[in-house]
Amino acid sequence: MRIYRIIVTQNPNWGAKGFFWFFILLILLVGNLFRLYKKDRIHFSQCLAGIFLFIYLWTVLESTVFTRIPYAQPQYELHLFWSWKAVFLHHDREMLKENILNCLLLLPYGCLIPVALGRKIGWKEGLLIGFGTSSVIEILQLITCRGLFEFDDIVHNGLGCMYG
């Protein structure tokens, strides 16, 4: 029940603009993937994985950046592992849940990447991809004032992508 509440809270309606851009970009992606498939450059499974990757990333960006209400000023926490200090020193169970959910956030993404690429990827490459993707999300949150920029999220998301 709590996970449902988190999903509903973190994923408000996209709105007309969100749906418009989602479908425009999805159509462009599907067109390019279809073209590559017809030229025998990628397999059908890679097409499907690419589409699922786009849908998943769009949903993550919508829930972490685009649908959030902006703050008056950028919010940031620049201390590394501050969230774990709160967990261990202050026994903050909510922070523990948040850390675990941040690790799980990019886990499906990490599962889809090797399928989309059509090859296995090593743990270092998975970690770098997760760090890069999470860095983009965190920087967008900082620039748009729509969330808390923190290095802990980059680490957690990177690990989740690597595990995937």
C-alpha atoms as a PDB file:
ATOM      1  CA  MET A   1       0.000   0.000   0.000  1.00  0.00           C
ATOM      2  CA  ARG A   2       2.848   2.415   0.800  1.00  0.00           C
ATOM      3  CA  ILE A   3       4.497   1.723  -2.569  1.00  0.00           C
ATOM      4  CA  TYR A   4       1.211   2.584  -4.316  1.00  0.00           C
ATOM      5  CA  ARG A   5       1.062   5.856  -2.364  1.00  0.00           C
ATOM      6  CA  ILE A   6       4.669   6.657  -3.350  1.00  0.00           C
ATOM      7  CA  ILE A   7       3.901   5.946  -7.013  1.00  0.00           C
ATOM      8  CA  VAL A   8       0.765   8.103  -6.989  1.00  0.00           C
ATOM      9  CA  THR A   9       2.534  10.934  -5.150  1.00  0.00           C
ATOM     10  CA  GLN A  10       5.666  10.894  -7.317  1.00  0.00           C
ATOM     11  CA  ASN A  11       3.822  10.383 -10.630  1.00  0.00           C
ATOM     12  CA  PRO A  12       1.101  12.991 -11.064  1.00  0.00           C
ATOM     13  CA  ASN A  13      -0.619  13.430 -14.420  1.00  0.00           C
ATOM     14  CA  TRP A  14       1.690  14.225 -17.304  1.00  0.00           C
ATOM     15  CA  GLY A  15      -0.582  16.813 -18.854  1.00  0.00           C
ATOM     16  CA  ALA A  16      -1.145  17.564 -22.536  1.00  0.00           C
ATOM     17  CA  LYS A  17       2.435  18.744 -23.158  1.00  0.00           C
ATOM     18  CA  GLY A  18       3.900  15.607 -21.612  1.00  0.00           C
ATOM     19  CA  PHE A  19       1.739  13.300 -23.720  1.00  0.00           C
ATOM     20  CA  PHE A  20       2.413  15.334 -26.863  1.00  0.00           C
ATOM     21  CA  TRP A  21       6.205  15.177 -26.524  1.00  0.00           C
ATOM     22  CA  PHE A  22       6.103  11.556 -25.393  1.00  0.00           C
ATOM     23  CA  PHE A  23       4.218  10.447 -28.512  1.00  0.00           C
ATOM     24  CA  ILE A  24       6.226  12.637 -30.911  1.00  0.00           C
ATOM     25  CA  LEU A  25       9.520  11.247 -29.587  1.00  0.00           C
ATOM     26  CA  LEU A  26       8.127   7.708 -29.457  1.00  0.00           C
ATOM     27  CA  ILE A  27       7.037   7.910 -33.094  1.00  0.00           C
ATOM     28  CA  LEU A  28      10.473   9.181 -34.127  1.00  0.00           C
ATOM     29  CA  LEU A  29      12.180   6.413 -32.145  1.00  0.00           C
ATOM     30  CA  VAL A  30       9.944   3.681 -33.539  1.00  0.00           C
ATOM     31  CA  GLY A  31      10.534   4.991 -37.067  1.00  0.00           C
ATOM     32  CA  ASN A  32      14.307   4.890 -36.623  1.00  0.00           C
ATOM     33  CA  LEU A  33      14.247   1.469 -34.993  1.00  0.00           C
ATOM     34  CA  PHE A  34      12.029   0.111 -37.773  1.00  0.00           C
ATOM     35  CA  ARG A  35      14.429   1.508 -40.387  1.00  0.00           C
ATOM     36  CA  LEU A  36      17.401  -0.154 -38.659  1.00  0.00           C
ATOM     37  CA  TYR A  37      15.464  -3.409 -38.353  1.00  0.00           C
ATOM     38  CA  LYS A  38      14.576  -3.403 -42.060  1.00  0.00           C
ATOM     39  CA  LYS A  39      18.270  -2.896 -42.925  1.00  0.00           C
ATOM     40  CA  ASP A  40      19.144  -5.898 -40.694  1.00  0.00           C
ATOM     41  CA  ARG A  41      21.272  -3.705 -38.446  1.00  0.00           C
ATOM     42  CA  ILE A  42      19.360  -4.683 -35.274  1.00  0.00           C
ATOM     43  CA  HIS A  43      17.182  -7.581 -34.150  1.00  0.00           C
ATOM     44  CA  PHE A  44      13.499  -7.363 -33.297  1.00  0.00           C
ATOM     45  CA  SER A  45      14.299  -7.894 -29.594  1.00  0.00           C
ATOM     46  CA  GLN A  46      16.555  -4.837 -29.727  1.00  0.00           C
ATOM     47  CA  CYS A  47      13.681  -2.815 -31.211  1.00  0.00           C
ATOM     48  CA  LEU A  48      11.375  -3.835 -28.388  1.00  0.00           C
ATOM     49  CA  ALA A  49      14.027  -3.207 -25.742  1.00  0.00           C
ATOM     50  CA  GLY A  50      14.728   0.239 -27.226  1.00  0.00           C
ATOM     51  CA  ILE A  51      11.041   1.129 -27.061  1.00  0.00           C
ATOM     52  CA  PHE A  52      10.761  -0.137 -23.486  1.00  0.00           C
ATOM     53  CA  LEU A  53      13.924   1.768 -22.534  1.00  0.00           C
ATOM     54  CA  PHE A  54      12.440   4.991 -23.890  1.00  0.00           C
ATOM     55  CA  ILE A  55       9.123   4.451 -22.099  1.00  0.00           C
ATOM     56  CA  TYR A  56      10.881   3.629 -18.855  1.00  0.00           C
ATOM     57  CA  LEU A  57      13.275   6.584 -19.029  1.00  0.00           C
ATOM     58  CA  TRP A  58      10.443   8.942 -19.926  1.00  0.00           C
ATOM     59  CA  THR A  59       8.461   7.723 -16.926  1.00  0.00           C
ATOM     60  CA  VAL A  60      11.483   8.145 -14.643  1.00  0.00           C
ATOM     61  CA  LEU A  61      12.113  11.685 -15.931  1.00  0.00           C
ATOM     62  CA  GLU A  62       8.448  12.581 -15.574  1.00  0.00           C
ATOM     63  CA  SER A  63       8.324  11.360 -11.979  1.00  0.00           C
ATOM     64  CA  THR A  64      11.693  12.760 -10.886  1.00  0.00           C
ATOM     65  CA  VAL A  65      11.782  16.067 -12.764  1.00  0.00           C
ATOM     66  CA  PHE A  66       9.032  17.193 -15.113  1.00  0.00           C
ATOM     67  CA  THR A  67       5.863  16.770 -13.031  1.00  0.00           C
ATOM     68  CA  ARG A  68       7.289  18.057  -9.760  1.00  0.00           C
ATOM     69  CA  ILE A  69       6.394  21.473  -8.445  1.00  0.00           C
ATOM     70  CA  PRO A  70       9.476  23.721  -8.558  1.00  0.00           C
ATOM     71  CA  TYR A  71      11.034  25.158  -5.417  1.00  0.00           C
ATOM     72  CA  ALA A  72      11.900  28.847  -5.135  1.00  0.00           C
ATOM     73  CA  GLN A  73      15.627  28.001  -5.114  1.00  0.00           C
ATOM     74  CA  PRO A  74      17.729  24.996  -6.079  1.00  0.00           C
ATOM     75  CA  GLN A  75      17.931  22.329  -3.374  1.00  0.00           C
ATOM     76  CA  TYR A  76      21.118  20.315  -2.962  1.00  0.00           C
ATOM     77  CA  GLU A  77      23.023  18.094  -0.542  1.00  0.00           C
ATOM     78  CA  LEU A  78      26.680  17.875  -1.471  1.00  0.00           C
ATOM     79  CA  HIS A  79      27.904  15.571   1.306  1.00  0.00           C
ATOM     80  CA  LEU A  80      28.539  12.053   0.056  1.00  0.00           C
ATOM     81  CA  PHE A  81      26.616   9.333   1.943  1.00  0.00           C
ATOM     82  CA  TRP A  82      24.724  11.841   4.089  1.00  0.00           C
ATOM     83  CA  SER A  83      21.604   9.698   3.704  1.00  0.00           C
ATOM     84  CA  TRP A  84      23.376   6.655   5.167  1.00  0.00           C
ATOM     85  CA  LYS A  85      24.583   8.735   8.079  1.00  0.00           C
ATOM     86  CA  ALA A  86      20.943   9.592   8.760  1.00  0.00           C
ATOM     87  CA  VAL A  87      20.046   5.902   8.575  1.00  0.00           C
ATOM     88  CA  PHE A  88      22.778   4.676  10.904  1.00  0.00           C
ATOM     89  CA  LEU A  89      23.165   7.603  13.306  1.00  0.00           C
ATOM     90  CA  HIS A  90      19.522   8.722  13.566  1.00  0.00           C
ATOM     91  CA  HIS A  91      17.841   5.394  12.727  1.00  0.00           C
ATOM     92  CA  ASP A  92      15.855   7.133   9.978  1.00  0.00           C
ATOM     93  CA  ARG A  93      13.742   4.338   8.467  1.00  0.00           C
ATOM     94  CA  GLU A  94      12.168   6.602   5.852  1.00  0.00           C
ATOM     95  CA  MET A  95      15.622   7.500   4.552  1.00  0.00           C
ATOM     96  CA  LEU A  96      16.486   3.798   4.406  1.00  0.00           C
ATOM     97  CA  LYS A  97      13.377   3.168   2.289  1.00  0.00           C
ATOM     98  CA  GLU A  98      14.276   6.084   0.045  1.00  0.00           C
ATOM     99  CA  ASN A  99      17.821   4.763  -0.415  1.00  0.00           C
ATOM    100  CA  ILE A 100      16.540   1.298  -1.313  1.00  0.00           C
ATOM    101  CA  LEU A 101      13.974   2.721  -3.742  1.00  0.00           C
ATOM    102  CA  ASN A 102      16.711   4.843  -5.344  1.00  0.00           C
ATOM    103  CA  CYS A 103      18.769   1.681  -5.873  1.00  0.00           C
ATOM    104  CA  LEU A 104      15.749  -0.004  -7.454  1.00  0.00           C
ATOM    105  CA  LEU A 105      14.892   2.975  -9.683  1.00  0.00           C
ATOM    106  CA  LEU A 106      17.361   2.183 -12.477  1.00  0.00           C
ATOM    107  CA  LEU A 107      17.450  -1.596 -11.998  1.00  0.00           C
ATOM    108  CA  PRO A 108      14.975  -2.275 -14.874  1.00  0.00           C
ATOM    109  CA  TYR A 109      16.982   0.159 -17.012  1.00  0.00           C
ATOM    110  CA  GLY A 110      20.105  -1.897 -16.338  1.00  0.00           C
ATOM    111  CA  CYS A 111      18.234  -5.057 -17.375  1.00  0.00           C
ATOM    112  CA  LEU A 112      17.091  -3.543 -20.675  1.00  0.00           C
ATOM    113  CA  ILE A 113      20.387  -2.005 -21.799  1.00  0.00           C
ATOM    114  CA  PRO A 114      22.137  -5.279 -22.776  1.00  0.00           C
ATOM    115  CA  VAL A 115      19.068  -6.373 -24.733  1.00  0.00           C
ATOM    116  CA  ALA A 116      18.866  -3.021 -26.539  1.00  0.00           C
ATOM    117  CA  LEU A 117      22.580  -3.095 -27.339  1.00  0.00           C
ATOM    118  CA  GLY A 118      22.459  -6.743 -28.397  1.00  0.00           C
ATOM    119  CA  ARG A 119      25.463  -7.640 -26.254  1.00  0.00           C
ATOM    120  CA  LYS A 120      26.480  -8.246 -22.674  1.00  0.00           C
ATOM    121  CA  ILE A 121      27.883  -5.358 -20.720  1.00  0.00           C
ATOM    122  CA  GLY A 122      30.298  -5.559 -17.809  1.00  0.00           C
ATOM    123  CA  TRP A 123      29.567  -4.309 -14.335  1.00  0.00           C
ATOM    124  CA  LYS A 124      31.836  -1.275 -14.832  1.00  0.00           C
ATOM    125  CA  GLU A 125      29.993  -0.260 -17.982  1.00  0.00           C
ATOM    126  CA  GLY A 126      26.635  -0.776 -16.251  1.00  0.00           C
ATOM    127  CA  LEU A 127      27.790   1.348 -13.332  1.00  0.00           C
ATOM    128  CA  LEU A 128      29.008   4.132 -15.643  1.00  0.00           C
ATOM    129  CA  ILE A 129      25.762   4.111 -17.614  1.00  0.00           C
ATOM    130  CA  GLY A 130      23.811   4.315 -14.361  1.00  0.00           C
ATOM    131  CA  PHE A 131      26.017   7.122 -13.033  1.00  0.00           C
ATOM    132  CA  GLY A 132      25.607   9.026 -16.306  1.00  0.00           C
ATOM    133  CA  THR A 133      21.839   8.624 -16.475  1.00  0.00           C
ATOM    134  CA  SER A 134      21.404   9.516 -12.824  1.00  0.00           C
ATOM    135  CA  SER A 135      23.708  12.530 -13.205  1.00  0.00           C
ATOM    136  CA  VAL A 136      21.473  13.853 -15.988  1.00  0.00           C
ATOM    137  CA  ILE A 137      18.418  13.428 -13.756  1.00  0.00           C
ATOM    138  CA  GLU A 138      20.087  15.113 -10.780  1.00  0.00           C
ATOM    139  CA  ILE A 139      21.405  18.021 -12.876  1.00  0.00           C
ATOM    140  CA  LEU A 140      17.938  18.541 -14.368  1.00  0.00           C
ATOM    141  CA  GLN A 141      16.508  18.598 -10.836  1.00  0.00           C
ATOM    142  CA  LEU A 142      19.089  21.207  -9.821  1.00  0.00           C
ATOM    143  CA  ILE A 143      18.630  23.407 -12.902  1.00  0.00           C
ATOM    144  CA  THR A 144      14.816  23.291 -12.837  1.00  0.00           C
ATOM    145  CA  CYS A 145      14.595  23.506  -9.009  1.00  0.00           C
ATOM    146  CA  ARG A 146      12.404  20.381  -9.044  1.00  0.00           C
ATOM    147  CA  GLY A 147      14.017  18.128  -6.527  1.00  0.00           C
ATOM    148  CA  LEU A 148      17.016  17.626  -4.330  1.00  0.00           C
ATOM    149  CA  PHE A 149      20.343  17.308  -6.125  1.00  0.00           C
ATOM    150  CA  GLU A 150      22.443  14.800  -4.216  1.00  0.00           C
ATOM    151  CA  PHE A 151      25.440  12.622  -4.930  1.00  0.00           C
ATOM    152  CA  ASP A 152      23.885   9.784  -2.921  1.00  0.00           C
ATOM    153  CA  ASP A 153      21.132   9.392  -5.529  1.00  0.00           C
ATOM    154  CA  ILE A 154      23.744   9.166  -8.288  1.00  0.00           C
ATOM    155  CA  VAL A 155      25.534   6.409  -6.385  1.00  0.00           C
ATOM    156  CA  HIS A 156      22.311   4.545  -5.542  1.00  0.00           C
ATOM    157  CA  ASN A 157      20.934   4.765  -9.080  1.00  0.00           C
ATOM    158  CA  GLY A 158      24.297   3.733 -10.548  1.00  0.00           C
ATOM    159  CA  LEU A 159      24.424   0.671  -8.316  1.00  0.00           C
ATOM    160  CA  GLY A 160      20.857  -0.231  -9.249  1.00  0.00           C
ATOM    161  CA  CYS A 161      21.669   0.003 -12.947  1.00  0.00           C
ATOM    162  CA  MET A 162      24.778  -2.104 -12.421  1.00  0.00           C
ATOM    163  CA  TYR A 163      22.784  -4.785 -10.551  1.00  0.00           C
ATOM    164  CA  GLY A 164      20.250  -4.834 -13.379  1.00  0.00           C
END
